[in-house]
Amino acid sequence: MTLDKVLYTAKARTTGGRDGASRSSDGRLDIKLSVPKQMSAADKPGTNPEQLFAAGWSACFMGAMGVAAAKMKTRLPADAAIDAEVDLCGAGGDYFLQARLNVSLPGVEREVAQALVNAAHQTCPYSKATRGNIDVAINLA
């Protein structure tokens, strides 16, 4: 793939790792980070990288479905939703991710909905980045 131009560069500074904070260069994102309560005795306020990844991927995937819908001369329903689940897994001392995108397109015929999901999975930058790197299931509700 040949790069035409960089459309946007997100910049964030993180300090303290999973028990720290992240702030975007423009200040629009300013969050505390904490280890998920399932992994720590302490239940601290804050989010974690897996939640951020789930939010980012599902938002991007929804956008990719919107582009696909426009090309197919249809619309996404107003109540379209994606429930993203990103698992942090461990095996033999190594860590890895796996994910599920559970897509809901109420009122859209199953065949059309599947076509939208398939097209989005081919064009979404997050899907491209994870393809072949982590186990991904995309489920159409």
Protein backbone atom coordinates (compact mmCIF):
# COMPACT_ATOMS: atom_id res chain seq x y z
CA MET A 1 0.00 0.00 0.00
CA THR A 2 1.40 3.37 -1.01
CA LEU A 3 0.94 6.25 1.41
CA ASP A 4 -0.69 9.30 -0.15
CA LYS A 5 -0.70 11.41 2.99
CA VAL A 6 -1.07 11.21 6.75
CA LEU A 7 -4.64 12.23 7.56
CA TYR A 8 -4.24 12.60 11.30
CA THR A 9 -1.72 11.87 14.03
CA ALA A 10 -2.95 11.17 17.54
CA LYS A 11 -0.45 12.13 20.20
CA ALA A 12 -0.68 11.09 23.82
CA ARG A 13 1.74 11.04 26.72
CA THR A 14 1.44 8.29 29.31
CA THR A 15 3.19 8.22 32.65
CA GLY A 16 3.09 5.47 35.23
CA GLY A 17 1.97 2.69 32.89
CA ARG A 18 -1.18 0.81 33.93
CA ASP A 19 -1.30 2.74 37.21
CA GLY A 20 -0.67 6.13 35.68
CA ALA A 21 -2.33 8.64 33.43
CA SER A 22 -2.61 9.51 29.75
CA ARG A 23 -3.20 12.88 28.20
CA SER A 24 -3.55 13.78 24.55
CA SER A 25 -1.48 16.64 23.17
CA ASP A 26 -4.65 18.69 22.58
CA GLY A 27 -6.01 17.99 26.10
CA ARG A 28 -9.24 16.43 24.83
CA LEU A 29 -8.30 13.14 26.46
CA ASP A 30 -7.07 13.29 30.05
CA ILE A 31 -7.57 10.03 31.90
CA LYS A 32 -6.40 8.04 34.86
CA LEU A 33 -5.25 4.51 34.23
CA SER A 34 -5.55 1.57 36.57
CA VAL A 35 -5.10 -2.16 36.53
CA PRO A 36 -8.45 -3.92 35.97
CA LYS A 37 -10.00 -4.86 39.32
CA GLN A 38 -9.95 -8.53 38.27
CA MET A 39 -6.15 -8.30 38.21
CA SER A 40 -5.57 -6.27 41.37
CA ALA A 41 -6.57 -6.37 45.01
CA ALA A 42 -7.22 -2.62 44.86
CA ASP A 43 -10.20 -1.21 42.97
CA LYS A 44 -8.81 2.13 41.77
CA PRO A 45 -10.58 4.63 39.54
CA GLY A 46 -9.48 4.79 35.94
CA THR A 47 -9.63 2.92 32.69
CA ASN A 48 -7.17 0.54 31.09
CA PRO A 49 -5.63 -0.01 27.66
CA GLU A 50 -8.04 -2.83 26.80
CA GLN A 51 -11.08 -0.62 27.41
CA LEU A 52 -9.54 2.15 25.34
CA PHE A 53 -8.78 -0.28 22.53
CA ALA A 54 -12.35 -1.66 22.63
CA ALA A 55 -13.80 1.87 22.45
CA GLY A 56 -11.48 2.96 19.66
CA TRP A 57 -11.96 -0.14 17.54
CA SER A 58 -15.75 -0.18 17.89
CA ALA A 59 -15.98 3.52 16.99
CA CYS A 60 -13.73 3.06 13.97
CA PHE A 61 -15.62 -0.07 12.89
CA MET A 62 -18.93 1.81 13.11
CA GLY A 63 -17.46 4.50 10.87
CA ALA A 64 -16.29 1.87 8.38
CA MET A 65 -19.81 0.38 8.34
CA GLY A 66 -21.17 3.86 7.61
CA VAL A 67 -18.83 4.20 4.63
CA ALA A 68 -19.87 0.74 3.42
CA ALA A 69 -23.55 1.65 3.84
CA ALA A 70 -23.11 4.79 1.75
CA LYS A 71 -21.43 2.77 -1.02
CA MET A 72 -24.31 0.27 -0.89
CA LYS A 73 -26.79 3.16 -1.02
CA THR A 74 -28.31 2.25 2.32
CA ARG A 75 -28.17 3.66 5.85
CA LEU A 76 -27.14 2.39 9.22
CA PRO A 77 -30.04 2.40 11.66
CA ALA A 78 -29.95 5.15 14.31
CA ASP A 79 -29.74 2.49 17.01
CA ALA A 80 -26.84 0.59 15.44
CA ALA A 81 -24.38 -0.52 18.12
CA ILE A 82 -21.17 -2.45 18.60
CA ASP A 83 -20.33 -4.16 21.87
CA ALA A 84 -16.58 -4.68 21.73
CA GLU A 85 -14.89 -7.14 24.06
CA VAL A 86 -11.11 -7.19 24.31
CA ASP A 87 -9.55 -9.90 26.46
CA LEU A 88 -6.10 -9.60 27.99
CA CYS A 89 -4.90 -13.20 28.12
CA GLY A 90 -1.89 -14.97 29.51
CA ALA A 91 -0.16 -18.22 28.59
CA GLY A 92 3.23 -19.46 29.66
CA GLY A 93 4.27 -16.08 31.01
CA ASP A 94 3.33 -14.26 27.80
CA TYR A 95 0.45 -11.83 27.35
CA PHE A 96 -1.77 -11.49 24.30
CA LEU A 97 -5.13 -10.09 23.24
CA GLN A 98 -8.23 -11.60 21.70
CA ALA A 99 -11.38 -9.75 20.75
CA ARG A 100 -15.01 -9.94 19.78
CA LEU A 101 -17.08 -7.30 18.02
CA ASN A 102 -20.78 -7.92 18.59
CA VAL A 103 -22.61 -5.87 15.98
CA SER A 104 -26.28 -4.93 16.24
CA LEU A 105 -28.03 -3.49 13.19
CA PRO A 106 -31.75 -3.55 14.11
CA GLY A 107 -34.12 -3.54 11.17
CA VAL A 108 -31.42 -4.31 8.60
CA GLU A 109 -31.92 -7.49 6.58
CA ARG A 110 -29.44 -10.16 7.68
CA GLU A 111 -27.82 -10.42 4.23
CA VAL A 112 -27.31 -6.64 4.01
CA ALA A 113 -26.06 -6.46 7.61
CA GLN A 114 -23.53 -9.22 6.95
CA ALA A 115 -22.32 -7.42 3.82
CA LEU A 116 -21.85 -4.21 5.85
CA VAL A 117 -19.92 -6.06 8.55
CA ASN A 118 -17.74 -7.85 5.99
CA ALA A 119 -16.93 -4.62 4.15
CA ALA A 120 -16.16 -2.79 7.40
CA HIS A 121 -13.82 -5.56 8.56
CA GLN A 122 -11.87 -5.21 5.32
CA THR A 123 -11.54 -1.42 5.50
CA CYS A 124 -11.43 -0.53 9.22
CA PRO A 125 -7.83 0.38 10.15
CA TYR A 126 -8.14 -1.39 13.52
CA SER A 127 -9.33 -4.57 11.80
CA LYS A 128 -6.42 -4.33 9.40
CA ALA A 129 -3.97 -3.83 12.27
CA THR A 130 -5.23 -6.86 14.17
CA ARG A 131 -5.73 -9.20 11.19
CA GLY A 132 -3.48 -12.20 11.61
CA ASN A 133 -2.15 -10.87 14.92
CA ILE A 134 -4.91 -11.71 17.37
CA ASP A 135 -7.97 -13.95 17.40
CA VAL A 136 -11.00 -11.89 16.37
CA ALA A 137 -14.65 -12.90 16.19
CA ILE A 138 -17.21 -10.62 14.61
CA ASN A 139 -20.72 -11.58 15.60
CA LEU A 140 -23.84 -10.18 14.01
CA ALA A 141 -26.75 -10.06 16.45
